[in-house]
Amino acid sequence: LQHAELGKRAPRWIRDNEVTMCMKCKEPFNALTRRRHHCRACGHVVCWKCSDYKAHLEYDGNKLNKVCKDCYHVIIGCTDSEEKKKKGILEIESAEVSGNSVICSFLQYMEKSKPWQKAWCVIPKQEALVLYMYGAPQDVKALATIPLLGYTVDDTPRSADLPHSFKLTQSKSVHSFAADNEELKQKWLKVIHLAVKGETPECQNE
């Protein structure tokens, strides 16, 4: 929602399973901080610390509702100057880049000898040579980024790998990925083969 509309219209609620961390302070939700709250103004999923504010919302008959810190400041009309702090490289919101990406989908990811894990992978249009990895599609901070330039692509799965897997290697670092099917794997490879050579890939998002 635009700032002017905050509290005037009911927001679209982000579903709990679309995030793995608080959308405001980026604290991961784990067994201890499992409590997820929704800001009644912007619909974001936040932790208890970030939902500890209340504001009168017009769409709810001006009743007091739980809101996040950001919405609270906007609604009561005080803006936070430190909000303008420069965002770190990982702090690009997933929804922001997924909506304007060359390609994005869930892939299984394995690093060194750790177990395979599911990651939401995105190659944004404005940085078509970098692969961003998120825990879930609505997370507000990436878990990792891989600058693809100079990596070698190996698309023959070993017997221990998942069937539709491929590897990116560069000197000591090896990143293994696996798609759910061969078609998705080929889409990713088409983009990555160009990116590792420093060429900007075509958009693969239908």
N, C-alpha and C. Protein backbone atom coordinates (compact mmCIF):
# COMPACT_ATOMS: atom_id res chain seq x y z
N LEU A 1 0.84 -1.20 0.00
CA LEU A 1 0.00 0.00 0.00
C LEU A 1 0.87 1.25 0.00
N GLN A 2 0.42 2.28 -0.70
CA GLN A 2 1.13 3.56 -0.69
C GLN A 2 0.95 4.19 0.70
N HIS A 3 1.93 5.02 1.09
CA HIS A 3 1.86 5.68 2.40
C HIS A 3 0.52 6.38 2.64
N ALA A 4 0.03 7.06 1.61
CA ALA A 4 -1.21 7.84 1.78
C ALA A 4 -2.40 6.94 2.08
N GLU A 5 -2.32 5.68 1.64
CA GLU A 5 -3.47 4.78 1.82
C GLU A 5 -3.37 3.96 3.11
N LEU A 6 -2.25 4.04 3.81
CA LEU A 6 -2.08 3.25 5.03
C LEU A 6 -3.22 3.50 6.01
N GLY A 7 -3.86 2.43 6.46
CA GLY A 7 -4.93 2.57 7.44
C GLY A 7 -6.28 2.91 6.82
N LYS A 8 -6.26 3.34 5.55
CA LYS A 8 -7.53 3.70 4.91
C LYS A 8 -8.17 2.51 4.22
N ARG A 9 -7.28 1.58 3.76
CA ARG A 9 -7.79 0.37 3.11
C ARG A 9 -7.20 -0.85 3.80
N ALA A 10 -7.97 -1.92 3.82
CA ALA A 10 -7.44 -3.15 4.42
C ALA A 10 -6.31 -3.66 3.54
N PRO A 11 -5.18 -4.07 4.15
CA PRO A 11 -4.04 -4.52 3.34
C PRO A 11 -4.19 -5.96 2.88
N ARG A 12 -3.37 -6.36 1.90
CA ARG A 12 -3.28 -7.79 1.56
C ARG A 12 -2.35 -8.42 2.59
N TRP A 13 -2.83 -9.46 3.26
CA TRP A 13 -1.99 -10.11 4.27
C TRP A 13 -1.00 -11.05 3.63
N ILE A 14 0.27 -10.88 3.98
CA ILE A 14 1.30 -11.83 3.56
C ILE A 14 1.07 -13.10 4.39
N ARG A 15 1.06 -14.26 3.74
CA ARG A 15 0.82 -15.50 4.50
C ARG A 15 2.04 -15.87 5.34
N ASP A 16 1.79 -16.47 6.50
CA ASP A 16 2.88 -16.87 7.40
C ASP A 16 3.94 -17.71 6.70
N ASN A 17 3.50 -18.61 5.81
CA ASN A 17 4.48 -19.51 5.20
C ASN A 17 5.25 -18.88 4.04
N GLU A 18 4.98 -17.59 3.77
CA GLU A 18 5.73 -16.92 2.70
C GLU A 18 6.99 -16.24 3.22
N VAL A 19 7.21 -16.28 4.53
CA VAL A 19 8.39 -15.65 5.10
C VAL A 19 9.08 -16.55 6.11
N THR A 20 10.39 -16.38 6.27
CA THR A 20 11.12 -17.13 7.29
C THR A 20 11.70 -16.18 8.33
N MET A 21 11.43 -14.87 8.14
CA MET A 21 11.99 -13.89 9.08
C MET A 21 11.02 -12.71 9.21
N CYS A 22 11.17 -11.94 10.27
CA CYS A 22 10.37 -10.74 10.46
C CYS A 22 10.64 -9.79 9.29
N MET A 23 9.55 -9.25 8.69
CA MET A 23 9.72 -8.42 7.51
C MET A 23 10.23 -7.01 7.85
N LYS A 24 10.37 -6.71 9.13
CA LYS A 24 10.88 -5.40 9.54
C LYS A 24 12.31 -5.49 10.08
N CYS A 25 12.53 -6.30 11.13
CA CYS A 25 13.89 -6.33 11.72
C CYS A 25 14.72 -7.50 11.20
N LYS A 26 14.11 -8.36 10.38
CA LYS A 26 14.80 -9.50 9.75
C LYS A 26 15.23 -10.59 10.73
N GLU A 27 14.70 -10.56 11.94
CA GLU A 27 14.97 -11.61 12.92
C GLU A 27 14.33 -12.90 12.41
N PRO A 28 15.09 -14.01 12.30
CA PRO A 28 14.47 -15.25 11.80
C PRO A 28 13.41 -15.77 12.76
N PHE A 29 12.34 -16.35 12.20
CA PHE A 29 11.34 -17.00 13.05
C PHE A 29 11.85 -18.41 13.32
N ASN A 30 12.06 -18.73 14.59
CA ASN A 30 12.48 -20.10 14.89
C ASN A 30 11.56 -20.64 15.97
N ALA A 31 11.95 -21.77 16.55
CA ALA A 31 11.07 -22.40 17.55
C ALA A 31 10.76 -21.46 18.71
N LEU A 32 11.73 -20.60 19.07
CA LEU A 32 11.51 -19.69 20.20
C LEU A 32 10.70 -18.47 19.81
N THR A 33 11.03 -17.90 18.64
CA THR A 33 10.32 -16.67 18.24
C THR A 33 9.30 -17.00 17.16
N ARG A 34 8.57 -18.11 17.39
CA ARG A 34 7.63 -18.56 16.38
C ARG A 34 6.46 -17.61 16.22
N ARG A 35 6.15 -16.86 17.28
CA ARG A 35 4.97 -15.99 17.25
C ARG A 35 5.08 -15.00 16.09
N ARG A 36 4.18 -15.14 15.14
CA ARG A 36 4.18 -14.21 14.01
C ARG A 36 2.96 -13.33 14.11
N HIS A 37 3.13 -12.05 13.93
CA HIS A 37 2.01 -11.12 14.01
C HIS A 37 1.84 -10.43 12.67
N HIS A 38 0.64 -10.02 12.36
CA HIS A 38 0.40 -9.26 11.14
C HIS A 38 0.17 -7.80 11.49
N CYS A 39 0.85 -6.92 10.77
CA CYS A 39 0.57 -5.50 10.92
C CYS A 39 -0.77 -5.25 10.25
N ARG A 40 -1.71 -4.64 10.99
CA ARG A 40 -3.06 -4.45 10.45
C ARG A 40 -3.10 -3.32 9.41
N ALA A 41 -1.99 -2.58 9.27
CA ALA A 41 -1.97 -1.49 8.29
C ALA A 41 -1.34 -1.92 6.96
N CYS A 42 -0.16 -2.60 7.01
CA CYS A 42 0.49 -2.97 5.75
C CYS A 42 0.37 -4.46 5.42
N GLY A 43 -0.06 -5.28 6.39
CA GLY A 43 -0.25 -6.71 6.12
C GLY A 43 1.01 -7.54 6.21
N HIS A 44 2.14 -6.90 6.58
CA HIS A 44 3.40 -7.64 6.68
C HIS A 44 3.43 -8.53 7.92
N VAL A 45 4.23 -9.60 7.84
CA VAL A 45 4.40 -10.51 8.96
C VAL A 45 5.59 -10.03 9.78
N VAL A 46 5.35 -9.77 11.07
CA VAL A 46 6.41 -9.22 11.91
C VAL A 46 6.51 -9.96 13.23
N CYS A 47 7.65 -9.81 13.90
CA CYS A 47 7.84 -10.45 15.20
C CYS A 47 7.16 -9.62 16.29
N TRP A 48 7.13 -10.15 17.50
CA TRP A 48 6.41 -9.45 18.57
C TRP A 48 7.01 -8.08 18.86
N LYS A 49 8.37 -7.98 18.76
CA LYS A 49 9.01 -6.69 19.06
C LYS A 49 8.56 -5.61 18.07
N CYS A 50 8.42 -6.02 16.80
CA CYS A 50 8.08 -5.04 15.76
C CYS A 50 6.57 -4.79 15.64
N SER A 51 5.77 -5.54 16.41
CA SER A 51 4.33 -5.33 16.29
C SER A 51 3.78 -4.69 17.55
N ASP A 52 4.68 -4.13 18.34
CA ASP A 52 4.29 -3.60 19.64
C ASP A 52 3.81 -2.15 19.57
N TYR A 53 3.05 -1.82 18.54
CA TYR A 53 2.57 -0.44 18.37
C TYR A 53 1.08 -0.50 18.06
N LYS A 54 0.37 0.57 18.40
CA LYS A 54 -1.06 0.61 18.07
C LYS A 54 -1.40 1.95 17.43
N ALA A 55 -2.30 1.89 16.42
CA ALA A 55 -2.71 3.13 15.76
C ALA A 55 -4.18 3.01 15.38
N HIS A 56 -4.86 4.14 15.26
CA HIS A 56 -6.26 4.15 14.83
C HIS A 56 -6.32 3.97 13.32
N LEU A 57 -7.03 2.92 12.86
CA LEU A 57 -7.10 2.66 11.42
C LEU A 57 -8.48 3.01 10.88
N GLU A 58 -8.47 3.84 9.85
CA GLU A 58 -9.72 4.35 9.28
C GLU A 58 -10.62 3.23 8.76
N TYR A 59 -10.01 2.23 8.07
CA TYR A 59 -10.84 1.18 7.48
C TYR A 59 -11.54 0.32 8.54
N ASP A 60 -11.05 0.39 9.77
CA ASP A 60 -11.64 -0.40 10.84
C ASP A 60 -12.40 0.52 11.80
N GLY A 61 -13.07 1.52 11.26
CA GLY A 61 -13.88 2.42 12.09
C GLY A 61 -13.04 3.17 13.12
N ASN A 62 -11.77 3.50 12.74
CA ASN A 62 -10.85 4.23 13.61
C ASN A 62 -10.55 3.54 14.94
N LYS A 63 -10.73 2.20 14.98
CA LYS A 63 -10.40 1.46 16.20
C LYS A 63 -8.89 1.31 16.31
N LEU A 64 -8.39 1.15 17.52
CA LEU A 64 -6.96 0.91 17.73
C LEU A 64 -6.59 -0.48 17.24
N ASN A 65 -5.57 -0.58 16.41
CA ASN A 65 -5.12 -1.87 15.89
C ASN A 65 -3.62 -2.01 16.07
N LYS A 66 -3.18 -3.28 16.15
CA LYS A 66 -1.74 -3.58 16.22
C LYS A 66 -1.10 -3.22 14.88
N VAL A 67 -0.05 -2.42 14.91
CA VAL A 67 0.64 -2.08 13.66
C VAL A 67 2.15 -2.20 13.88
N CYS A 68 2.91 -2.26 12.78
CA CYS A 68 4.37 -2.33 12.92
C CYS A 68 4.92 -0.91 13.12
N LYS A 69 6.18 -0.85 13.51
CA LYS A 69 6.82 0.42 13.82
C LYS A 69 6.74 1.40 12.65
N ASP A 70 7.06 0.91 11.43
CA ASP A 70 7.08 1.79 10.25
C ASP A 70 5.72 2.43 10.00
N CYS A 71 4.66 1.59 10.02
CA CYS A 71 3.32 2.11 9.77
C CYS A 71 2.89 3.07 10.87
N TYR A 72 3.30 2.74 12.11
CA TYR A 72 2.96 3.60 13.24
C TYR A 72 3.51 5.02 12.99
N HIS A 73 4.77 5.09 12.59
CA HIS A 73 5.38 6.41 12.34
C HIS A 73 4.68 7.14 11.19
N VAL A 74 4.33 6.40 10.14
CA VAL A 74 3.67 7.05 9.00
C VAL A 74 2.29 7.56 9.41
N ILE A 75 1.53 6.68 10.12
CA ILE A 75 0.15 7.04 10.47
C ILE A 75 0.10 8.21 11.46
N ILE A 76 1.02 8.20 12.44
CA ILE A 76 0.97 9.33 13.38
C ILE A 76 1.74 10.54 12.83
N GLY A 77 2.31 10.36 11.62
CA GLY A 77 2.90 11.50 10.92
C GLY A 77 4.29 11.90 11.36
N CYS A 78 5.05 10.92 11.92
CA CYS A 78 6.44 11.28 12.23
C CYS A 78 7.33 10.34 11.42
N THR A 79 8.22 10.88 10.64
CA THR A 79 9.06 10.00 9.81
C THR A 79 10.40 9.80 10.49
N ASP A 80 10.91 8.62 10.29
CA ASP A 80 12.14 8.22 10.95
C ASP A 80 13.31 8.53 10.03
N SER A 81 14.21 9.42 10.46
CA SER A 81 15.30 9.80 9.56
C SER A 81 16.26 8.64 9.33
N GLU A 82 16.40 7.77 10.33
CA GLU A 82 17.37 6.67 10.16
C GLU A 82 16.84 5.61 9.17
N GLU A 83 15.57 5.72 8.78
CA GLU A 83 15.02 4.80 7.78
C GLU A 83 15.80 4.91 6.47
N LYS A 84 16.45 6.06 6.29
CA LYS A 84 17.13 6.30 5.02
C LYS A 84 18.52 5.68 4.99
N LYS A 85 18.85 4.93 6.04
CA LYS A 85 20.16 4.28 6.06
C LYS A 85 20.35 3.45 4.80
N LYS A 86 21.58 3.40 4.31
CA LYS A 86 21.86 2.63 3.09
C LYS A 86 21.59 1.16 3.35
N LYS A 87 20.89 0.53 2.42
CA LYS A 87 20.63 -0.90 2.58
C LYS A 87 21.87 -1.70 2.20
N GLY A 88 22.14 -2.76 2.93
CA GLY A 88 23.26 -3.63 2.59
C GLY A 88 22.93 -4.43 1.33
N ILE A 89 23.94 -5.09 0.77
CA ILE A 89 23.74 -5.84 -0.48
C ILE A 89 22.65 -6.90 -0.35
N LEU A 90 22.58 -7.55 0.82
CA LEU A 90 21.60 -8.63 0.97
C LEU A 90 20.20 -8.11 1.25
N GLU A 91 20.10 -6.80 1.56
CA GLU A 91 18.82 -6.29 2.01
C GLU A 91 17.92 -5.79 0.88
N ILE A 92 17.93 -6.52 -0.22
CA ILE A 92 16.99 -6.21 -1.29
C ILE A 92 15.81 -7.14 -1.03
N GLU A 93 14.60 -6.60 -1.00
CA GLU A 93 13.45 -7.44 -0.69
C GLU A 93 13.20 -8.42 -1.82
N SER A 94 12.91 -9.66 -1.44
CA SER A 94 12.69 -10.70 -2.45
C SER A 94 11.54 -10.36 -3.37
N ALA A 95 10.43 -9.88 -2.80
CA ALA A 95 9.26 -9.59 -3.64
C ALA A 95 9.62 -8.52 -4.68
N GLU A 96 10.46 -7.57 -4.26
CA GLU A 96 10.89 -6.49 -5.13
C GLU A 96 11.68 -7.02 -6.33
N VAL A 97 12.64 -7.92 -6.08
CA VAL A 97 13.47 -8.43 -7.18
C VAL A 97 12.76 -9.53 -7.97
N SER A 98 11.93 -10.32 -7.29
CA SER A 98 11.24 -11.41 -8.00
C SER A 98 10.30 -10.83 -9.05
N GLY A 99 9.68 -9.70 -8.72
CA GLY A 99 8.75 -9.08 -9.65
C GLY A 99 9.44 -8.45 -10.85
N ASN A 100 10.76 -8.27 -10.75
CA ASN A 100 11.49 -7.66 -11.84
C ASN A 100 12.77 -8.45 -12.08
N SER A 101 12.57 -9.75 -12.37
CA SER A 101 13.73 -10.63 -12.46
C SER A 101 13.85 -11.27 -13.83
N VAL A 102 15.04 -11.77 -14.11
CA VAL A 102 15.27 -12.53 -15.34
C VAL A 102 14.65 -13.91 -15.15
N ILE A 103 14.86 -14.45 -13.96
CA ILE A 103 14.29 -15.77 -13.63
C ILE A 103 14.20 -15.87 -12.11
N CYS A 104 13.16 -16.56 -11.61
CA CYS A 104 13.08 -16.83 -10.17
C CYS A 104 12.24 -18.08 -9.97
N SER A 105 12.66 -18.90 -9.02
CA SER A 105 11.89 -20.11 -8.69
C SER A 105 12.53 -20.74 -7.45
N PHE A 106 11.86 -21.75 -6.91
CA PHE A 106 12.49 -22.52 -5.85
C PHE A 106 13.50 -23.47 -6.49
N LEU A 107 14.66 -23.61 -5.86
CA LEU A 107 15.64 -24.63 -6.26
C LEU A 107 16.13 -25.27 -4.97
N GLN A 108 16.56 -26.52 -5.08
CA GLN A 108 17.24 -27.13 -3.94
C GLN A 108 18.69 -26.65 -4.01
N TYR A 109 19.28 -26.40 -2.84
CA TYR A 109 20.64 -25.88 -2.82
C TYR A 109 21.50 -26.68 -1.85
N MET A 110 22.73 -26.96 -2.24
CA MET A 110 23.63 -27.67 -1.33
C MET A 110 25.00 -27.01 -1.38
N GLU A 111 25.57 -26.81 -0.20
CA GLU A 111 26.89 -26.21 -0.10
C GLU A 111 27.80 -27.18 0.61
N LYS A 112 28.98 -27.39 0.06
CA LYS A 112 29.93 -28.35 0.63
C LYS A 112 29.21 -29.66 0.93
N SER A 113 29.31 -30.13 2.20
CA SER A 113 28.67 -31.44 2.45
C SER A 113 27.42 -31.29 3.31
N LYS A 114 26.88 -30.06 3.34
CA LYS A 114 25.64 -29.85 4.11
C LYS A 114 24.47 -30.51 3.37
N PRO A 115 23.35 -30.76 4.07
CA PRO A 115 22.20 -31.37 3.40
C PRO A 115 21.55 -30.39 2.40
N TRP A 116 20.83 -30.95 1.43
CA TRP A 116 20.11 -30.11 0.47
C TRP A 116 19.05 -29.30 1.21
N GLN A 117 18.86 -28.07 0.81
CA GLN A 117 17.78 -27.27 1.39
C GLN A 117 17.10 -26.47 0.28
N LYS A 118 15.83 -26.15 0.53
CA LYS A 118 15.06 -25.43 -0.47
C LYS A 118 15.35 -23.94 -0.36
N ALA A 119 15.58 -23.28 -1.48
CA ALA A 119 15.82 -21.83 -1.45
C ALA A 119 15.06 -21.17 -2.58
N TRP A 120 14.59 -19.96 -2.34
CA TRP A 120 13.93 -19.17 -3.39
C TRP A 120 15.05 -18.41 -4.10
N CYS A 121 15.32 -18.75 -5.36
CA CYS A 121 16.45 -18.19 -6.09
C CYS A 121 15.98 -17.18 -7.12
N VAL A 122 16.68 -16.06 -7.19
CA VAL A 122 16.28 -14.97 -8.08
C VAL A 122 17.51 -14.38 -8.77
N ILE A 123 17.40 -14.13 -10.07
CA ILE A 123 18.42 -13.32 -10.75
C ILE A 123 17.70 -12.05 -11.18
N PRO A 124 17.96 -10.91 -10.47
CA PRO A 124 17.24 -9.67 -10.77
C PRO A 124 17.69 -9.05 -12.09
N LYS A 125 16.75 -8.36 -12.77
CA LYS A 125 17.09 -7.71 -14.03
C LYS A 125 18.19 -6.68 -13.86
N GLN A 126 18.12 -5.88 -12.77
CA GLN A 126 19.11 -4.81 -12.65
C GLN A 126 20.49 -5.34 -12.25
N GLU A 127 20.55 -6.60 -11.82
CA GLU A 127 21.86 -7.21 -11.53
C GLU A 127 21.84 -8.62 -12.10
N ALA A 128 21.82 -8.68 -13.42
CA ALA A 128 21.59 -9.97 -14.08
C ALA A 128 22.77 -10.93 -13.97
N LEU A 129 23.83 -10.51 -13.30
CA LEU A 129 24.98 -11.42 -13.15
C LEU A 129 25.12 -11.90 -11.71
N VAL A 130 24.08 -11.64 -10.90
CA VAL A 130 24.13 -12.06 -9.50
C VAL A 130 22.91 -12.92 -9.17
N LEU A 131 23.16 -14.04 -8.51
CA LEU A 131 22.08 -14.92 -8.07
C LEU A 131 21.81 -14.66 -6.59
N TYR A 132 20.57 -14.29 -6.28
CA TYR A 132 20.18 -14.04 -4.89
C TYR A 132 19.44 -15.27 -4.36
N MET A 133 19.74 -15.65 -3.12
CA MET A 133 19.03 -16.78 -2.52
C MET A 133 18.29 -16.34 -1.27
N TYR A 134 17.00 -16.66 -1.22
CA TYR A 134 16.14 -16.31 -0.09
C TYR A 134 15.57 -17.57 0.54
N GLY A 135 15.15 -17.47 1.80
CA GLY A 135 14.51 -18.60 2.45
C GLY A 135 13.09 -18.81 1.94
N ALA A 136 12.42 -17.71 1.55
CA ALA A 136 11.03 -17.78 1.08
C ALA A 136 10.77 -16.56 0.19
N PRO A 137 9.73 -16.64 -0.69
CA PRO A 137 9.50 -15.59 -1.69
C PRO A 137 9.25 -14.19 -1.14
N GLN A 138 8.79 -14.05 0.11
CA GLN A 138 8.51 -12.71 0.62
C GLN A 138 9.55 -12.20 1.61
N ASP A 139 10.65 -12.93 1.76
CA ASP A 139 11.67 -12.49 2.72
C ASP A 139 12.26 -11.14 2.33
N VAL A 140 12.62 -10.36 3.34
CA VAL A 140 13.11 -9.01 3.06
C VAL A 140 14.64 -8.94 3.06
N LYS A 141 15.28 -10.08 3.23
CA LYS A 141 16.74 -10.09 3.18
C LYS A 141 17.20 -11.41 2.60
N ALA A 142 18.17 -11.36 1.70
CA ALA A 142 18.68 -12.58 1.09
C ALA A 142 19.58 -13.32 2.07
N LEU A 143 19.62 -14.66 1.94
CA LEU A 143 20.51 -15.46 2.79
C LEU A 143 21.92 -15.39 2.23
N ALA A 144 22.02 -15.29 0.89
CA ALA A 144 23.33 -15.27 0.24
C ALA A 144 23.20 -14.74 -1.17
N THR A 145 24.31 -14.27 -1.71
CA THR A 145 24.35 -13.88 -3.12
C THR A 145 25.56 -14.55 -3.75
N ILE A 146 25.42 -14.91 -5.02
CA ILE A 146 26.56 -15.49 -5.75
C ILE A 146 26.79 -14.64 -7.00
N PRO A 147 27.94 -13.93 -7.07
CA PRO A 147 28.26 -13.19 -8.31
C PRO A 147 28.69 -14.23 -9.34
N LEU A 148 27.90 -14.40 -10.39
CA LEU A 148 28.07 -15.54 -11.29
C LEU A 148 29.28 -15.45 -12.23
N LEU A 149 29.76 -14.23 -12.48
CA LEU A 149 30.84 -14.04 -13.43
C LEU A 149 32.06 -14.90 -13.09
N GLY A 150 32.51 -15.66 -14.07
CA GLY A 150 33.73 -16.45 -13.86
C GLY A 150 33.51 -17.84 -13.30
N TYR A 151 32.28 -18.18 -12.95
CA TYR A 151 32.02 -19.55 -12.45
C TYR A 151 32.01 -20.54 -13.62
N THR A 152 32.33 -21.78 -13.33
CA THR A 152 32.24 -22.85 -14.33
C THR A 152 30.95 -23.61 -14.03
N VAL A 153 30.20 -23.94 -15.08
CA VAL A 153 28.93 -24.64 -14.90
C VAL A 153 29.13 -26.12 -15.24
N ASP A 154 28.72 -26.97 -14.34
CA ASP A 154 28.79 -28.42 -14.57
C ASP A 154 27.37 -28.96 -14.43
N ASP A 155 26.78 -29.42 -15.55
CA ASP A 155 25.37 -29.83 -15.46
C ASP A 155 25.16 -31.33 -15.53
N THR A 156 26.19 -32.11 -15.18
CA THR A 156 26.00 -33.57 -15.13
C THR A 156 25.90 -34.01 -13.67
N PRO A 157 24.69 -34.44 -13.26
CA PRO A 157 24.52 -34.83 -11.85
C PRO A 157 25.33 -36.08 -11.51
N ARG A 158 25.93 -36.07 -10.32
CA ARG A 158 26.58 -37.29 -9.79
C ARG A 158 25.48 -38.19 -9.21
N SER A 159 25.84 -39.43 -8.96
CA SER A 159 24.82 -40.37 -8.46
C SER A 159 24.22 -39.90 -7.12
N ALA A 160 25.04 -39.21 -6.31
CA ALA A 160 24.53 -38.79 -5.00
C ALA A 160 23.65 -37.53 -5.10
N ASP A 161 23.66 -36.87 -6.26
CA ASP A 161 22.91 -35.64 -6.42
C ASP A 161 21.46 -35.90 -6.80
N LEU A 162 20.65 -34.88 -6.67
CA LEU A 162 19.27 -34.97 -7.14
C LEU A 162 19.29 -35.01 -8.66
N PRO A 163 18.28 -35.63 -9.31
CA PRO A 163 18.35 -35.85 -10.77
C PRO A 163 18.55 -34.60 -11.63
N HIS A 164 17.86 -33.49 -11.31
CA HIS A 164 17.95 -32.32 -12.20
C HIS A 164 18.89 -31.27 -11.61
N SER A 165 20.12 -31.74 -11.29
CA SER A 165 21.02 -30.83 -10.59
C SER A 165 22.10 -30.27 -11.50
N PHE A 166 22.73 -29.20 -11.04
CA PHE A 166 23.89 -28.63 -11.73
C PHE A 166 24.76 -27.95 -10.68
N LYS A 167 26.03 -27.76 -11.03
CA LYS A 167 26.97 -27.18 -10.07
C LYS A 167 27.61 -25.92 -10.64
N LEU A 168 27.92 -25.00 -9.75
CA LEU A 168 28.71 -23.82 -10.13
C LEU A 168 30.00 -23.91 -9.33
N THR A 169 31.14 -23.89 -10.03
CA THR A 169 32.41 -24.00 -9.31
C THR A 169 33.34 -22.86 -9.70
N GLN A 170 34.10 -22.40 -8.71
CA GLN A 170 35.12 -21.39 -8.94
C GLN A 170 36.18 -21.60 -7.88
N SER A 171 37.39 -21.91 -8.30
CA SER A 171 38.48 -22.32 -7.41
C SER A 171 37.94 -23.21 -6.28
N LYS A 172 37.93 -22.70 -5.03
CA LYS A 172 37.53 -23.58 -3.92
C LYS A 172 36.02 -23.63 -3.68
N SER A 173 35.25 -22.69 -4.27
CA SER A 173 33.83 -22.70 -3.89
C SER A 173 32.97 -23.45 -4.90
N VAL A 174 32.12 -24.31 -4.35
CA VAL A 174 31.22 -25.13 -5.16
C VAL A 174 29.80 -24.92 -4.66
N HIS A 175 28.90 -24.56 -5.56
CA HIS A 175 27.49 -24.41 -5.19
C HIS A 175 26.70 -25.41 -6.04
N SER A 176 25.93 -26.28 -5.38
CA SER A 176 25.11 -27.24 -6.12
C SER A 176 23.64 -26.83 -6.05
N PHE A 177 22.97 -26.93 -7.19
CA PHE A 177 21.54 -26.61 -7.27
C PHE A 177 20.81 -27.77 -7.92
N ALA A 178 19.52 -27.88 -7.62
CA ALA A 178 18.70 -28.88 -8.31
C ALA A 178 17.31 -28.32 -8.52
N ALA A 179 16.82 -28.47 -9.75
CA ALA A 179 15.47 -28.01 -10.07
C ALA A 179 14.50 -29.17 -9.90
N ASP A 180 13.19 -28.85 -9.87
CA ASP A 180 12.19 -29.90 -9.70
C ASP A 180 12.00 -30.72 -10.97
N ASN A 181 12.34 -30.14 -12.12
CA ASN A 181 12.20 -30.89 -13.37
C ASN A 181 13.25 -30.42 -14.37
N GLU A 182 13.39 -31.17 -15.45
CA GLU A 182 14.43 -30.89 -16.44
C GLU A 182 14.19 -29.56 -17.16
N GLU A 183 12.93 -29.24 -17.40
CA GLU A 183 12.60 -28.01 -18.12
C GLU A 183 13.07 -26.78 -17.33
N LEU A 184 12.80 -26.80 -16.02
CA LEU A 184 13.21 -25.68 -15.16
C LEU A 184 14.74 -25.61 -15.09
N LYS A 185 15.37 -26.77 -15.00
CA LYS A 185 16.84 -26.80 -14.96
C LYS A 185 17.41 -26.14 -16.21
N GLN A 186 16.86 -26.47 -17.38
CA GLN A 186 17.38 -25.90 -18.63
C GLN A 186 17.17 -24.39 -18.70
N LYS A 187 16.03 -23.92 -18.16
CA LYS A 187 15.78 -22.47 -18.13
C LYS A 187 16.86 -21.76 -17.32
N TRP A 188 17.16 -22.32 -16.14
CA TRP A 188 18.20 -21.73 -15.29
C TRP A 188 19.56 -21.77 -15.97
N LEU A 189 19.87 -22.92 -16.60
CA LEU A 189 21.17 -23.07 -17.23
C LEU A 189 21.35 -22.07 -18.37
N LYS A 190 20.26 -21.82 -19.12
CA LYS A 190 20.31 -20.89 -20.23
C LYS A 190 20.76 -19.51 -19.74
N VAL A 191 20.20 -19.10 -18.60
CA VAL A 191 20.52 -17.80 -18.01
C VAL A 191 21.95 -17.81 -17.44
N ILE A 192 22.26 -18.87 -16.68
CA ILE A 192 23.55 -18.93 -15.98
C ILE A 192 24.72 -19.03 -16.96
N HIS A 193 24.54 -19.79 -18.05
CA HIS A 193 25.63 -19.93 -19.05
C HIS A 193 26.03 -18.57 -19.59
N LEU A 194 25.07 -17.67 -19.77
CA LEU A 194 25.38 -16.32 -20.25
C LEU A 194 26.01 -15.48 -19.13
N ALA A 195 25.42 -15.57 -17.94
CA ALA A 195 25.88 -14.74 -16.82
C ALA A 195 27.34 -15.01 -16.45
N VAL A 196 27.76 -16.28 -16.48
CA VAL A 196 29.14 -16.59 -16.09
C VAL A 196 30.15 -16.00 -17.08
N LYS A 197 29.67 -15.70 -18.30
CA LYS A 197 30.55 -15.07 -19.30
C LYS A 197 30.40 -13.54 -19.27
N GLY A 198 29.56 -13.04 -18.36
CA GLY A 198 29.38 -11.61 -18.26
C GLY A 198 28.38 -11.04 -19.25
N GLU A 199 27.58 -11.94 -19.86
CA GLU A 199 26.56 -11.47 -20.80
C GLU A 199 25.21 -11.40 -20.10
N THR A 200 24.44 -10.37 -20.44
CA THR A 200 23.13 -10.21 -19.81
C THR A 200 22.13 -11.15 -20.45
N PRO A 201 21.53 -12.04 -19.63
CA PRO A 201 20.59 -13.02 -20.19
C PRO A 201 19.22 -12.43 -20.51
N GLU A 202 18.52 -13.14 -21.38
CA GLU A 202 17.13 -12.76 -21.72
C GLU A 202 16.23 -13.13 -20.54
N CYS A 203 15.09 -12.47 -20.47
CA CYS A 203 14.14 -12.78 -19.41
C CYS A 203 13.51 -14.15 -19.63
N GLN A 204 13.51 -14.98 -18.59
CA GLN A 204 12.94 -16.34 -18.70
C GLN A 204 11.60 -16.46 -18.01
N ASN A 205 11.15 -15.38 -17.36
CA ASN A 205 9.88 -15.46 -16.61
C ASN A 205 8.71 -15.26 -17.55
N GLU A 206 7.98 -16.31 -17.76
CA GLU A 206 6.81 -16.20 -18.65
C GLU A 206 5.72 -15.42 -17.95
